[in-house]
Amino acid sequence: MRAPEFWWKRAGLRARLLSPVATVYGRMAVARMAEAATAHAPVPVLCVGNLVVGGGGKTPTVEALASEARASAGLSPVVLSRGYGGRLEGPLVVDPQRHSAADVGDEPLMLAAAGVTVVVARDRAAGAALAVEHGATIVIMDDGFQNPSLYKDLSLLVVDRERGIGNGLCLPAGPLRAPVESQLERADFLVLTGRGGAADAVVRSAGGHGVPVIGARLTAVSDGSTLAGQRVLAFAGIANPDKFFASLVEAGAEVVERRRFADHHAYSDADCAAIRAACASAALLPVTTAKDRARLAGSTERDRLAARCHVHEVRLVADEPGVFARVIGEACAKAADRLAGGRTLDRR
């Protein structure tokens, strides 16, 4: 689904017409977040969520935290995902050799292909149990901030500095998953990604709630090749394709053609054939994201395009060295206090 453009502009007629529904939705979201957790895990649970629907840098944040948990704390992280866009309910451990994006969703498959252990489960308590069985010493939730079912020892909210929170309204009038203040009340950190001033109001609100702000940026992962001087056809089915296109320009590529698809777009054979044909006719290199690459499998046409694509991979780097290690440490300390009180993976 492509997010409506009016979400990211000053509230106009459509937003105002939908605002009564958005008010009801927001109240329901607040009530749900206030519900007591129904399960507690025997290991730390660190949740990474978005204030809004769509990409703020949540999954790169999850990957960065998983890497930090291994490198600085010697932990065995397992990422817990709902598996948005996948048909399998789980709980299951994602295997890139057996599963496709249609099975488990593109983001879990992308993380698993990068070497991260990922559990997909609609039931988050059952997913946490499987993660622990699989050796997790910390569970990192990719999304689920607004879901109260599994107790979270520490929660981060991620917001894009460039997009911010759009018109500031809840679904369906705007992109917010719940009112900003109600979400910040339950957050331990706010992670700002990218550049720009669209999230300045959120930063001020975070300060009012005593929520520390972490600045971070997405940087290209070098794979020994370069895009400098390359003529490319860039395509992406993510929440904000323009950010991806801009990163290619920054890398020195000449972006001759841009093709935008809806977030989590399932590429058809016709899509792939058209991209290959356009690249062949103008001598262009097809370039896409790691998330999109995860969806290029399962048919001859998709495999052909995948074989030709350059994947422009990025990773999240915090502006302040060591801050993600501090986040991991705080999550572990809070979990230790909780576990000392006898709270483990039970349902009440």
C-alpha atoms as a PDB file:
ATOM      1  CA  MET A   1       0.000   0.000   0.000  1.00  0.00           C
ATOM      2  CA  ARG A   2       1.287   3.478  -0.872  1.00  0.00           C
ATOM      3  CA  ALA A   3       0.832   6.009   1.923  1.00  0.00           C
ATOM      4  CA  PRO A   4      -1.477   8.875   0.867  1.00  0.00           C
ATOM      5  CA  GLU A   5       0.422  12.011  -0.084  1.00  0.00           C
ATOM      6  CA  PHE A   6      -1.873  14.212   1.997  1.00  0.00           C
ATOM      7  CA  TRP A   7      -0.527  12.596   5.162  1.00  0.00           C
ATOM      8  CA  TRP A   8       2.765  14.425   4.641  1.00  0.00           C
ATOM      9  CA  LYS A   9       1.299  17.886   3.987  1.00  0.00           C
ATOM     10  CA  ARG A  10      -0.484  20.446   6.115  1.00  0.00           C
ATOM     11  CA  ALA A  11      -3.897  19.054   7.055  1.00  0.00           C
ATOM     12  CA  GLY A  12      -6.372  19.816   4.278  1.00  0.00           C
ATOM     13  CA  LEU A  13      -9.935  18.863   3.447  1.00  0.00           C
ATOM     14  CA  ARG A  14      -9.403  15.084   3.300  1.00  0.00           C
ATOM     15  CA  ALA A  15      -7.554  15.072   6.610  1.00  0.00           C
ATOM     16  CA  ARG A  16     -10.223  17.196   8.259  1.00  0.00           C
ATOM     17  CA  LEU A  17     -13.011  14.950   6.978  1.00  0.00           C
ATOM     18  CA  LEU A  18     -11.224  11.924   8.421  1.00  0.00           C
ATOM     19  CA  SER A  19     -10.236  13.579  11.699  1.00  0.00           C
ATOM     20  CA  PRO A  20     -13.268  12.304  13.706  1.00  0.00           C
ATOM     21  CA  VAL A  21     -12.310   8.733  12.789  1.00  0.00           C
ATOM     22  CA  ALA A  22      -8.678   9.528  13.594  1.00  0.00           C
ATOM     23  CA  THR A  23      -9.679  10.789  17.038  1.00  0.00           C
ATOM     24  CA  VAL A  24     -11.460   7.514  17.794  1.00  0.00           C
ATOM     25  CA  TYR A  25      -8.537   5.513  16.431  1.00  0.00           C
ATOM     26  CA  GLY A  26      -6.090   7.479  18.576  1.00  0.00           C
ATOM     27  CA  ARG A  27      -8.122   6.914  21.740  1.00  0.00           C
ATOM     28  CA  MET A  28      -8.305   3.196  21.024  1.00  0.00           C
ATOM     29  CA  ALA A  29      -4.541   3.056  20.424  1.00  0.00           C
ATOM     30  CA  VAL A  30      -3.857   4.852  23.720  1.00  0.00           C
ATOM     31  CA  ALA A  31      -6.166   2.483  25.598  1.00  0.00           C
ATOM     32  CA  ARG A  32      -4.454  -0.529  24.067  1.00  0.00           C
ATOM     33  CA  MET A  33      -0.954   0.706  24.907  1.00  0.00           C
ATOM     34  CA  ALA A  34      -2.070   1.174  28.518  1.00  0.00           C
ATOM     35  CA  GLU A  35      -3.042  -2.489  28.877  1.00  0.00           C
ATOM     36  CA  ALA A  36      -0.842  -4.572  31.156  1.00  0.00           C
ATOM     37  CA  ALA A  37       1.578  -6.954  29.450  1.00  0.00           C
ATOM     38  CA  THR A  38       0.346 -10.532  29.312  1.00  0.00           C
ATOM     39  CA  ALA A  39       3.770 -12.179  29.035  1.00  0.00           C
ATOM     40  CA  HIS A  40       7.288 -11.592  30.367  1.00  0.00           C
ATOM     41  CA  ALA A  41      10.432 -13.068  28.831  1.00  0.00           C
ATOM     42  CA  PRO A  42      13.352 -14.569  30.824  1.00  0.00           C
ATOM     43  CA  VAL A  43      15.789 -12.349  28.901  1.00  0.00           C
ATOM     44  CA  PRO A  44      15.906  -8.597  28.187  1.00  0.00           C
ATOM     45  CA  VAL A  45      13.376  -7.377  25.624  1.00  0.00           C
ATOM     46  CA  LEU A  46      14.312  -4.244  23.685  1.00  0.00           C
ATOM     47  CA  CYS A  47      11.656  -2.809  21.371  1.00  0.00           C
ATOM     48  CA  VAL A  48      12.218  -0.542  18.372  1.00  0.00           C
ATOM     49  CA  GLY A  49       9.086   1.143  17.053  1.00  0.00           C
ATOM     50  CA  ASN A  50       7.910   3.942  14.771  1.00  0.00           C
ATOM     51  CA  LEU A  51       5.798   6.928  15.715  1.00  0.00           C
ATOM     52  CA  VAL A  52       4.236   6.742  12.257  1.00  0.00           C
ATOM     53  CA  VAL A  53       3.334   4.194   9.627  1.00  0.00           C
ATOM     54  CA  GLY A  54       6.189   3.758   7.191  1.00  0.00           C
ATOM     55  CA  GLY A  55       9.931   4.022   7.177  1.00  0.00           C
ATOM     56  CA  GLY A  56      11.735   6.088   9.753  1.00  0.00           C
ATOM     57  CA  GLY A  57      14.777   3.842   9.948  1.00  0.00           C
ATOM     58  CA  LYS A  58      13.363   1.252  12.343  1.00  0.00           C
ATOM     59  CA  THR A  59      14.855  -1.875  10.779  1.00  0.00           C
ATOM     60  CA  PRO A  60      18.366  -0.376  10.339  1.00  0.00           C
ATOM     61  CA  THR A  61      18.146   0.597  14.031  1.00  0.00           C
ATOM     62  CA  VAL A  62      17.277  -2.989  14.921  1.00  0.00           C
ATOM     63  CA  GLU A  63      20.218  -4.265  12.893  1.00  0.00           C
ATOM     64  CA  ALA A  64      22.578  -1.761  14.539  1.00  0.00           C
ATOM     65  CA  LEU A  65      21.426  -2.773  18.023  1.00  0.00           C
ATOM     66  CA  ALA A  66      21.779  -6.479  17.229  1.00  0.00           C
ATOM     67  CA  SER A  67      25.325  -5.860  16.021  1.00  0.00           C
ATOM     68  CA  GLU A  68      26.116  -3.824  19.146  1.00  0.00           C
ATOM     69  CA  ALA A  69      24.663  -6.502  21.424  1.00  0.00           C
ATOM     70  CA  ARG A  70      27.026  -9.074  19.915  1.00  0.00           C
ATOM     71  CA  ALA A  71      30.095  -6.863  19.664  1.00  0.00           C
ATOM     72  CA  SER A  72      30.138  -4.905  22.911  1.00  0.00           C
ATOM     73  CA  ALA A  73      28.089  -7.029  25.308  1.00  0.00           C
ATOM     74  CA  GLY A  74      28.812 -10.550  24.068  1.00  0.00           C
ATOM     75  CA  LEU A  75      25.097 -11.271  23.866  1.00  0.00           C
ATOM     76  CA  SER A  76      23.232 -13.556  21.459  1.00  0.00           C
ATOM     77  CA  PRO A  77      20.501 -11.328  20.018  1.00  0.00           C
ATOM     78  CA  VAL A  78      17.437 -12.672  18.254  1.00  0.00           C
ATOM     79  CA  VAL A  79      15.188 -10.252  16.392  1.00  0.00           C
ATOM     80  CA  LEU A  80      11.463 -10.777  16.884  1.00  0.00           C
ATOM     81  CA  SER A  81       9.240  -9.607  14.020  1.00  0.00           C
ATOM     82  CA  ARG A  82       5.567  -9.893  13.196  1.00  0.00           C
ATOM     83  CA  GLY A  83       6.584 -10.655   9.616  1.00  0.00           C
ATOM     84  CA  TYR A  84       4.511  -7.952   7.949  1.00  0.00           C
ATOM     85  CA  GLY A  85       3.639  -8.950   4.384  1.00  0.00           C
ATOM     86  CA  GLY A  86       4.353 -12.646   4.934  1.00  0.00           C
ATOM     87  CA  ARG A  87       1.797 -15.436   4.912  1.00  0.00           C
ATOM     88  CA  LEU A  88       3.282 -17.562   7.729  1.00  0.00           C
ATOM     89  CA  GLU A  89       2.042 -16.861  11.246  1.00  0.00           C
ATOM     90  CA  GLY A  90       4.925 -18.606  13.038  1.00  0.00           C
ATOM     91  CA  PRO A  91       6.531 -18.829  15.408  1.00  0.00           C
ATOM     92  CA  LEU A  92       9.455 -19.848  13.200  1.00  0.00           C
ATOM     93  CA  VAL A  93      13.107 -19.070  12.684  1.00  0.00           C
ATOM     94  CA  VAL A  94      13.678 -17.391   9.323  1.00  0.00           C
ATOM     95  CA  ASP A  95      15.859 -19.372   6.928  1.00  0.00           C
ATOM     96  CA  PRO A  96      16.854 -17.486   3.750  1.00  0.00           C
ATOM     97  CA  GLN A  97      17.445 -20.830   2.027  1.00  0.00           C
ATOM     98  CA  ARG A  98      13.874 -21.991   2.632  1.00  0.00           C
ATOM     99  CA  HIS A  99      11.755 -18.897   3.075  1.00  0.00           C
ATOM    100  CA  SER A 100      10.771 -16.114   0.711  1.00  0.00           C
ATOM    101  CA  ALA A 101       9.520 -12.591   1.350  1.00  0.00           C
ATOM    102  CA  ALA A 102       6.035 -13.908   0.596  1.00  0.00           C
ATOM    103  CA  ASP A 103       6.489 -16.360   3.487  1.00  0.00           C
ATOM    104  CA  VAL A 104       7.969 -14.153   6.201  1.00  0.00           C
ATOM    105  CA  GLY A 105       8.042 -10.558   4.922  1.00  0.00           C
ATOM    106  CA  ASP A 106      10.861  -8.637   3.281  1.00  0.00           C
ATOM    107  CA  GLU A 107      12.425  -7.068   6.379  1.00  0.00           C
ATOM    108  CA  PRO A 108      12.871 -10.341   8.336  1.00  0.00           C
ATOM    109  CA  LEU A 109      14.292 -11.994   5.218  1.00  0.00           C
ATOM    110  CA  MET A 110      16.679  -9.090   4.654  1.00  0.00           C
ATOM    111  CA  LEU A 111      17.936  -9.243   8.257  1.00  0.00           C
ATOM    112  CA  ALA A 112      18.336 -13.019   8.134  1.00  0.00           C
ATOM    113  CA  ALA A 113      20.282 -12.781   4.869  1.00  0.00           C
ATOM    114  CA  ALA A 114      22.631 -10.353   6.661  1.00  0.00           C
ATOM    115  CA  GLY A 115      23.364 -12.963   9.316  1.00  0.00           C
ATOM    116  CA  VAL A 116      20.904 -11.867  12.012  1.00  0.00           C
ATOM    117  CA  THR A 117      18.837 -14.575  13.706  1.00  0.00           C
ATOM    118  CA  VAL A 118      15.177 -13.641  13.198  1.00  0.00           C
ATOM    119  CA  VAL A 119      12.000 -15.171  14.618  1.00  0.00           C
ATOM    120  CA  VAL A 120       8.696 -14.349  12.939  1.00  0.00           C
ATOM    121  CA  ALA A 121       5.553 -14.685  15.035  1.00  0.00           C
ATOM    122  CA  ARG A 122       2.135 -13.081  15.068  1.00  0.00           C
ATOM    123  CA  ASP A 123       1.962 -14.108  18.748  1.00  0.00           C
ATOM    124  CA  ARG A 124       4.852 -12.159  20.235  1.00  0.00           C
ATOM    125  CA  ALA A 125       4.959 -14.166  23.477  1.00  0.00           C
ATOM    126  CA  ALA A 126       5.261 -17.403  21.503  1.00  0.00           C
ATOM    127  CA  GLY A 127       7.914 -15.762  19.341  1.00  0.00           C
ATOM    128  CA  ALA A 128       9.921 -14.722  22.394  1.00  0.00           C
ATOM    129  CA  ALA A 129       9.722 -18.269  23.754  1.00  0.00           C
ATOM    130  CA  LEU A 130      11.087 -19.661  20.478  1.00  0.00           C
ATOM    131  CA  ALA A 131      13.833 -17.018  20.452  1.00  0.00           C
ATOM    132  CA  VAL A 132      14.941 -18.114  23.934  1.00  0.00           C
ATOM    133  CA  GLU A 133      14.837 -21.775  22.867  1.00  0.00           C
ATOM    134  CA  HIS A 134      17.065 -20.768  19.967  1.00  0.00           C
ATOM    135  CA  GLY A 135      19.650 -19.310  22.323  1.00  0.00           C
ATOM    136  CA  ALA A 136      18.636 -15.662  22.613  1.00  0.00           C
ATOM    137  CA  THR A 137      20.135 -13.783  25.533  1.00  0.00           C
ATOM    138  CA  ILE A 138      18.372 -10.611  24.400  1.00  0.00           C
ATOM    139  CA  VAL A 139      15.267 -10.208  22.226  1.00  0.00           C
ATOM    140  CA  ILE A 140      15.109  -7.166  19.964  1.00  0.00           C
ATOM    141  CA  MET A 141      11.598  -6.464  18.731  1.00  0.00           C
ATOM    142  CA  ASP A 142      11.305  -5.019  15.238  1.00  0.00           C
ATOM    143  CA  ASP A 143       8.053  -3.093  15.711  1.00  0.00           C
ATOM    144  CA  GLY A 144       5.423  -3.864  18.338  1.00  0.00           C
ATOM    145  CA  PHE A 145       5.792  -0.664  20.362  1.00  0.00           C
ATOM    146  CA  GLN A 146       2.024  -0.143  20.385  1.00  0.00           C
ATOM    147  CA  ASN A 147       1.336  -3.844  21.162  1.00  0.00           C
ATOM    148  CA  PRO A 148       1.162  -4.555  24.908  1.00  0.00           C
ATOM    149  CA  SER A 149       1.232  -8.370  24.809  1.00  0.00           C
ATOM    150  CA  LEU A 150       4.959  -8.877  25.557  1.00  0.00           C
ATOM    151  CA  TYR A 151       6.604  -6.852  28.315  1.00  0.00           C
ATOM    152  CA  LYS A 152       9.341  -4.530  27.061  1.00  0.00           C
ATOM    153  CA  ASP A 153      12.266  -3.679  29.297  1.00  0.00           C
ATOM    154  CA  LEU A 154      13.310  -0.767  27.096  1.00  0.00           C
ATOM    155  CA  SER A 155      11.642   0.939  24.127  1.00  0.00           C
ATOM    156  CA  LEU A 156      12.980   3.205  21.400  1.00  0.00           C
ATOM    157  CA  LEU A 157      10.954   5.260  18.955  1.00  0.00           C
ATOM    158  CA  VAL A 158      12.474   6.135  15.591  1.00  0.00           C
ATOM    159  CA  VAL A 159      11.565   9.185  13.523  1.00  0.00           C
ATOM    160  CA  ASP A 160      12.948  10.536  10.257  1.00  0.00           C
ATOM    161  CA  ARG A 161      14.204  14.122  10.537  1.00  0.00           C
ATOM    162  CA  GLU A 162      13.166  14.817   6.936  1.00  0.00           C
ATOM    163  CA  ARG A 163       9.599  13.473   7.072  1.00  0.00           C
ATOM    164  CA  GLY A 164       8.786  13.960  10.723  1.00  0.00           C
ATOM    165  CA  ILE A 165       5.217  13.070  11.641  1.00  0.00           C
ATOM    166  CA  GLY A 166       3.508  14.523   8.580  1.00  0.00           C
ATOM    167  CA  ASN A 167       0.292  16.375   9.369  1.00  0.00           C
ATOM    168  CA  GLY A 168       0.424  15.200  12.996  1.00  0.00           C
ATOM    169  CA  LEU A 169      -2.861  13.271  12.832  1.00  0.00           C
ATOM    170  CA  CYS A 170      -3.580   9.628  13.620  1.00  0.00           C
ATOM    171  CA  LEU A 171      -4.686   7.041  11.098  1.00  0.00           C
ATOM    172  CA  PRO A 172      -6.533   7.302   8.768  1.00  0.00           C
ATOM    173  CA  ALA A 173      -6.304  11.114   8.630  1.00  0.00           C
ATOM    174  CA  GLY A 174      -2.524  11.057   9.036  1.00  0.00           C
ATOM    175  CA  PRO A 175       0.408   8.703   9.546  1.00  0.00           C
ATOM    176  CA  LEU A 176       0.553   8.576  13.362  1.00  0.00           C
ATOM    177  CA  ARG A 177      -0.012   5.174  14.990  1.00  0.00           C
ATOM    178  CA  ALA A 178      -1.112   6.910  18.189  1.00  0.00           C
ATOM    179  CA  PRO A 179      -0.943  10.477  19.536  1.00  0.00           C
ATOM    180  CA  VAL A 180       2.653  11.667  19.887  1.00  0.00           C
ATOM    181  CA  GLU A 181       2.477  12.529  23.586  1.00  0.00           C
ATOM    182  CA  SER A 182       1.017   9.146  24.511  1.00  0.00           C
ATOM    183  CA  GLN A 183       3.776   7.356  22.632  1.00  0.00           C
ATOM    184  CA  LEU A 184       6.565   9.450  24.128  1.00  0.00           C
ATOM    185  CA  GLU A 185       5.239   8.739  27.636  1.00  0.00           C
ATOM    186  CA  ARG A 186       6.158   5.081  27.060  1.00  0.00           C
ATOM    187  CA  ALA A 187       9.461   5.590  25.257  1.00  0.00           C
ATOM    188  CA  ASP A 188      12.939   5.422  26.815  1.00  0.00           C
ATOM    189  CA  PHE A 189      14.815   6.899  23.845  1.00  0.00           C
ATOM    190  CA  LEU A 190      13.984   8.769  20.654  1.00  0.00           C
ATOM    191  CA  VAL A 191      16.196   7.972  17.657  1.00  0.00           C
ATOM    192  CA  LEU A 192      16.415  10.665  14.966  1.00  0.00           C
ATOM    193  CA  THR A 193      17.577   9.492  11.549  1.00  0.00           C
ATOM    194  CA  GLY A 194      18.575  11.470   8.478  1.00  0.00           C
ATOM    195  CA  ARG A 195      18.647  15.248   8.105  1.00  0.00           C
ATOM    196  CA  GLY A 196      16.142  18.061   8.250  1.00  0.00           C
ATOM    197  CA  GLY A 197      13.933  19.883  10.705  1.00  0.00           C
ATOM    198  CA  ALA A 198      10.554  18.183  10.235  1.00  0.00           C
ATOM    199  CA  ALA A 199      10.888  16.362  13.569  1.00  0.00           C
ATOM    200  CA  ASP A 200      11.858  19.420  15.657  1.00  0.00           C
ATOM    201  CA  ALA A 201       8.475  19.538  17.408  1.00  0.00           C
ATOM    202  CA  VAL A 202       8.827  15.876  18.361  1.00  0.00           C
ATOM    203  CA  VAL A 203      12.286  16.585  19.793  1.00  0.00           C
ATOM    204  CA  ARG A 204      10.852  19.379  21.933  1.00  0.00           C
ATOM    205  CA  SER A 205       8.088  17.057  23.147  1.00  0.00           C
ATOM    206  CA  ALA A 206      10.641  14.360  23.946  1.00  0.00           C
ATOM    207  CA  GLY A 207      12.541  16.899  26.065  1.00  0.00           C
ATOM    208  CA  GLY A 208       9.350  17.661  27.958  1.00  0.00           C
ATOM    209  CA  HIS A 209       8.958  13.981  28.759  1.00  0.00           C
ATOM    210  CA  GLY A 210      12.612  13.535  29.705  1.00  0.00           C
ATOM    211  CA  VAL A 211      13.224  11.188  26.768  1.00  0.00           C
ATOM    212  CA  PRO A 212      16.884  11.268  25.616  1.00  0.00           C
ATOM    213  CA  VAL A 213      17.416  11.865  21.899  1.00  0.00           C
ATOM    214  CA  ILE A 214      19.891   9.832  19.839  1.00  0.00           C
ATOM    215  CA  GLY A 215      21.024  11.296  16.537  1.00  0.00           C
ATOM    216  CA  ALA A 216      21.928   8.796  13.806  1.00  0.00           C
ATOM    217  CA  ARG A 217      22.523   8.617  10.078  1.00  0.00           C
ATOM    218  CA  LEU A 218      22.368   6.004   7.357  1.00  0.00           C
ATOM    219  CA  THR A 219      25.687   5.393   5.633  1.00  0.00           C
ATOM    220  CA  ALA A 220      26.473   3.230   2.623  1.00  0.00           C
ATOM    221  CA  VAL A 221      28.033  -0.176   3.222  1.00  0.00           C
ATOM    222  CA  SER A 222      30.979  -0.608   0.872  1.00  0.00           C
ATOM    223  CA  ASP A 223      31.120  -3.940  -0.935  1.00  0.00           C
ATOM    224  CA  GLY A 224      34.255  -3.234  -2.938  1.00  0.00           C
ATOM    225  CA  SER A 225      32.371  -1.691  -5.862  1.00  0.00           C
ATOM    226  CA  THR A 226      31.391   1.897  -6.493  1.00  0.00           C
ATOM    227  CA  LEU A 227      28.494   3.770  -8.015  1.00  0.00           C
ATOM    228  CA  ALA A 228      30.521   6.881  -8.750  1.00  0.00           C
ATOM    229  CA  GLY A 229      29.979   7.875 -12.377  1.00  0.00           C
ATOM    230  CA  GLN A 230      27.578   4.998 -13.065  1.00  0.00           C
ATOM    231  CA  ARG A 231      24.402   5.643 -15.065  1.00  0.00           C
ATOM    232  CA  VAL A 232      21.667   3.878 -13.131  1.00  0.00           C
ATOM    233  CA  LEU A 233      17.991   3.045 -13.091  1.00  0.00           C
ATOM    234  CA  ALA A 234      16.980   3.187  -9.442  1.00  0.00           C
ATOM    235  CA  PHE A 235      13.859   1.417  -8.241  1.00  0.00           C
ATOM    236  CA  ALA A 236      12.426   0.976  -4.775  1.00  0.00           C
ATOM    237  CA  GLY A 237       9.272  -0.198  -3.044  1.00  0.00           C
ATOM    238  CA  ILE A 238       9.871   1.348   0.366  1.00  0.00           C
ATOM    239  CA  ALA A 239       8.115   3.990   2.451  1.00  0.00           C
ATOM    240  CA  ASN A 240      10.292   6.850   1.195  1.00  0.00           C
ATOM    241  CA  PRO A 241      11.946   6.034  -2.153  1.00  0.00           C
ATOM    242  CA  ASP A 242      13.154   9.617  -2.574  1.00  0.00           C
ATOM    243  CA  LYS A 243      15.542   9.186   0.361  1.00  0.00           C
ATOM    244  CA  PHE A 244      17.033   6.157  -1.397  1.00  0.00           C
ATOM    245  CA  PHE A 245      17.374   8.043  -4.678  1.00  0.00           C
ATOM    246  CA  ALA A 246      19.094  10.924  -2.885  1.00  0.00           C
ATOM    247  CA  SER A 247      21.582   8.530  -1.296  1.00  0.00           C
ATOM    248  CA  LEU A 248      22.557   7.272  -4.759  1.00  0.00           C
ATOM    249  CA  VAL A 249      23.226  10.826  -5.916  1.00  0.00           C
ATOM    250  CA  GLU A 250      25.363  11.345  -2.803  1.00  0.00           C
ATOM    251  CA  ALA A 251      27.294   8.196  -3.742  1.00  0.00           C
ATOM    252  CA  GLY A 252      28.113   9.782  -7.094  1.00  0.00           C
ATOM    253  CA  ALA A 253      25.701   7.855  -9.320  1.00  0.00           C
ATOM    254  CA  GLU A 254      23.947   9.480 -12.253  1.00  0.00           C
ATOM    255  CA  VAL A 255      20.338   8.507 -11.600  1.00  0.00           C
ATOM    256  CA  VAL A 256      18.895   8.547 -15.110  1.00  0.00           C
ATOM    257  CA  GLU A 257      15.562   6.959 -14.194  1.00  0.00           C
ATOM    258  CA  ARG A 258      13.645   6.568 -10.932  1.00  0.00           C
ATOM    259  CA  ARG A 259      10.859   4.038 -10.451  1.00  0.00           C
ATOM    260  CA  ARG A 260       8.736   4.249  -7.306  1.00  0.00           C
ATOM    261  CA  PHE A 261       6.621   1.388  -5.995  1.00  0.00           C
ATOM    262  CA  ALA A 262       4.451   1.063  -2.893  1.00  0.00           C
ATOM    263  CA  ASP A 263       6.092  -0.041   0.351  1.00  0.00           C
ATOM    264  CA  HIS A 264       6.525  -3.840   0.439  1.00  0.00           C
ATOM    265  CA  HIS A 265       5.561  -4.019  -3.252  1.00  0.00           C
ATOM    266  CA  ALA A 266       5.440  -7.578  -4.603  1.00  0.00           C
ATOM    267  CA  TYR A 267       7.350  -7.358  -7.881  1.00  0.00           C
ATOM    268  CA  SER A 268       5.564  -9.035 -10.781  1.00  0.00           C
ATOM    269  CA  ASP A 269       7.252 -10.638 -13.764  1.00  0.00           C
ATOM    270  CA  ALA A 270       6.019  -7.674 -15.833  1.00  0.00           C
ATOM    271  CA  ASP A 271       7.662  -5.191 -13.410  1.00  0.00           C
ATOM    272  CA  CYS A 272      10.975  -7.014 -13.609  1.00  0.00           C
ATOM    273  CA  ALA A 273      10.885  -7.452 -17.384  1.00  0.00           C
ATOM    274  CA  ALA A 274      10.129  -3.743 -17.841  1.00  0.00           C
ATOM    275  CA  ILE A 275      13.034  -2.701 -15.621  1.00  0.00           C
ATOM    276  CA  ARG A 276      15.434  -5.038 -17.418  1.00  0.00           C
ATOM    277  CA  ALA A 277      14.269  -3.801 -20.819  1.00  0.00           C
ATOM    278  CA  ALA A 278      14.693  -0.146 -19.812  1.00  0.00           C
ATOM    279  CA  CYS A 279      18.190  -0.830 -18.513  1.00  0.00           C
ATOM    280  CA  ALA A 280      19.162  -2.718 -21.682  1.00  0.00           C
ATOM    281  CA  SER A 281      17.885  -0.008 -24.010  1.00  0.00           C
ATOM    282  CA  ALA A 282      19.732   2.841 -22.262  1.00  0.00           C
ATOM    283  CA  ALA A 283      22.756   0.920 -20.905  1.00  0.00           C
ATOM    284  CA  LEU A 284      21.745   1.529 -17.278  1.00  0.00           C
ATOM    285  CA  LEU A 285      22.688  -0.380 -14.158  1.00  0.00           C
ATOM    286  CA  PRO A 286      19.622  -1.405 -12.096  1.00  0.00           C
ATOM    287  CA  VAL A 287      20.076  -0.394  -8.467  1.00  0.00           C
ATOM    288  CA  THR A 288      17.772  -1.131  -5.559  1.00  0.00           C
ATOM    289  CA  THR A 289      17.656  -1.536  -1.770  1.00  0.00           C
ATOM    290  CA  ALA A 290      18.412  -4.644   0.280  1.00  0.00           C
ATOM    291  CA  LYS A 291      14.757  -4.704   1.313  1.00  0.00           C
ATOM    292  CA  ASP A 292      13.632  -4.721  -2.328  1.00  0.00           C
ATOM    293  CA  ARG A 293      16.242  -7.340  -3.227  1.00  0.00           C
ATOM    294  CA  ALA A 294      14.622  -9.662  -0.687  1.00  0.00           C
ATOM    295  CA  ARG A 295      11.469  -9.596  -2.836  1.00  0.00           C
ATOM    296  CA  LEU A 296      13.251 -10.435  -6.095  1.00  0.00           C
ATOM    297  CA  ALA A 297      12.964 -14.205  -6.010  1.00  0.00           C
ATOM    298  CA  GLY A 298      10.545 -16.953  -6.908  1.00  0.00           C
ATOM    299  CA  SER A 299      10.336 -16.643 -10.687  1.00  0.00           C
ATOM    300  CA  THR A 300      12.658 -16.595 -13.668  1.00  0.00           C
ATOM    301  CA  GLU A 301      12.057 -12.893 -14.362  1.00  0.00           C
ATOM    302  CA  ARG A 302      12.659 -11.859 -10.749  1.00  0.00           C
ATOM    303  CA  ASP A 303      15.810 -13.995 -10.576  1.00  0.00           C
ATOM    304  CA  ARG A 304      17.119 -12.449 -13.811  1.00  0.00           C
ATOM    305  CA  LEU A 305      16.655  -8.931 -12.487  1.00  0.00           C
ATOM    306  CA  ALA A 306      18.161  -9.846  -9.114  1.00  0.00           C
ATOM    307  CA  ALA A 307      21.268 -11.236 -10.821  1.00  0.00           C
ATOM    308  CA  ARG A 308      21.860  -7.886 -12.581  1.00  0.00           C
ATOM    309  CA  CYS A 309      21.023  -5.569  -9.676  1.00  0.00           C
ATOM    310  CA  HIS A 310      23.458  -3.604  -7.623  1.00  0.00           C
ATOM    311  CA  VAL A 311      22.160  -3.516  -4.035  1.00  0.00           C
ATOM    312  CA  HIS A 312      22.865  -0.226  -2.316  1.00  0.00           C
ATOM    313  CA  GLU A 313      23.116  -1.340   1.297  1.00  0.00           C
ATOM    314  CA  VAL A 314      23.117   1.063   4.222  1.00  0.00           C
ATOM    315  CA  ARG A 315      23.729   0.823   7.943  1.00  0.00           C
ATOM    316  CA  LEU A 316      22.759   3.094  10.807  1.00  0.00           C
ATOM    317  CA  VAL A 317      25.559   4.889  12.643  1.00  0.00           C
ATOM    318  CA  ALA A 318      24.903   6.867  15.817  1.00  0.00           C
ATOM    319  CA  ASP A 319      26.294  10.396  15.993  1.00  0.00           C
ATOM    320  CA  GLU A 320      27.538   9.735  19.536  1.00  0.00           C
ATOM    321  CA  PRO A 321      29.993   6.807  19.787  1.00  0.00           C
ATOM    322  CA  GLY A 322      28.952   4.176  22.314  1.00  0.00           C
ATOM    323  CA  VAL A 323      25.352   5.297  22.674  1.00  0.00           C
ATOM    324  CA  PHE A 324      23.881   2.034  21.365  1.00  0.00           C
ATOM    325  CA  ALA A 325      26.076   0.109  23.826  1.00  0.00           C
ATOM    326  CA  ARG A 326      24.526   2.249  26.572  1.00  0.00           C
ATOM    327  CA  VAL A 327      21.037   1.399  25.307  1.00  0.00           C
ATOM    328  CA  ILE A 328      21.857  -2.318  25.418  1.00  0.00           C
ATOM    329  CA  GLY A 329      23.276  -1.929  28.923  1.00  0.00           C
ATOM    330  CA  GLU A 330      20.172  -0.137  30.193  1.00  0.00           C
ATOM    331  CA  ALA A 331      17.895  -2.809  28.718  1.00  0.00           C
ATOM    332  CA  CYS A 332      19.906  -5.528  30.437  1.00  0.00           C
ATOM    333  CA  ALA A 333      19.930  -3.667  33.761  1.00  0.00           C
ATOM    334  CA  LYS A 334      16.164  -3.152  33.694  1.00  0.00           C
ATOM    335  CA  ALA A 335      15.623  -6.803  32.810  1.00  0.00           C
ATOM    336  CA  ALA A 336      17.861  -7.886  35.687  1.00  0.00           C
ATOM    337  CA  ASP A 337      15.711  -5.874  38.101  1.00  0.00           C
ATOM    338  CA  ARG A 338      12.546  -7.354  36.619  1.00  0.00           C
ATOM    339  CA  LEU A 339      13.829 -10.923  36.739  1.00  0.00           C
ATOM    340  CA  ALA A 340      14.993 -10.472  40.318  1.00  0.00           C
ATOM    341  CA  GLY A 341      11.330  -9.824  41.067  1.00  0.00           C
ATOM    342  CA  GLY A 342      10.328 -13.132  39.505  1.00  0.00           C
ATOM    343  CA  ARG A 343       8.864 -11.936  36.194  1.00  0.00           C
ATOM    344  CA  THR A 344       9.546 -14.503  33.440  1.00  0.00           C
ATOM    345  CA  LEU A 345       7.789 -15.776  30.335  1.00  0.00           C
ATOM    346  CA  ASP A 346       4.360 -16.502  31.759  1.00  0.00           C
ATOM    347  CA  ARG A 347       0.866 -15.443  30.861  1.00  0.00           C
ATOM    348  CA  ARG A 348      -1.290 -13.914  33.536  1.00  0.00           C
END
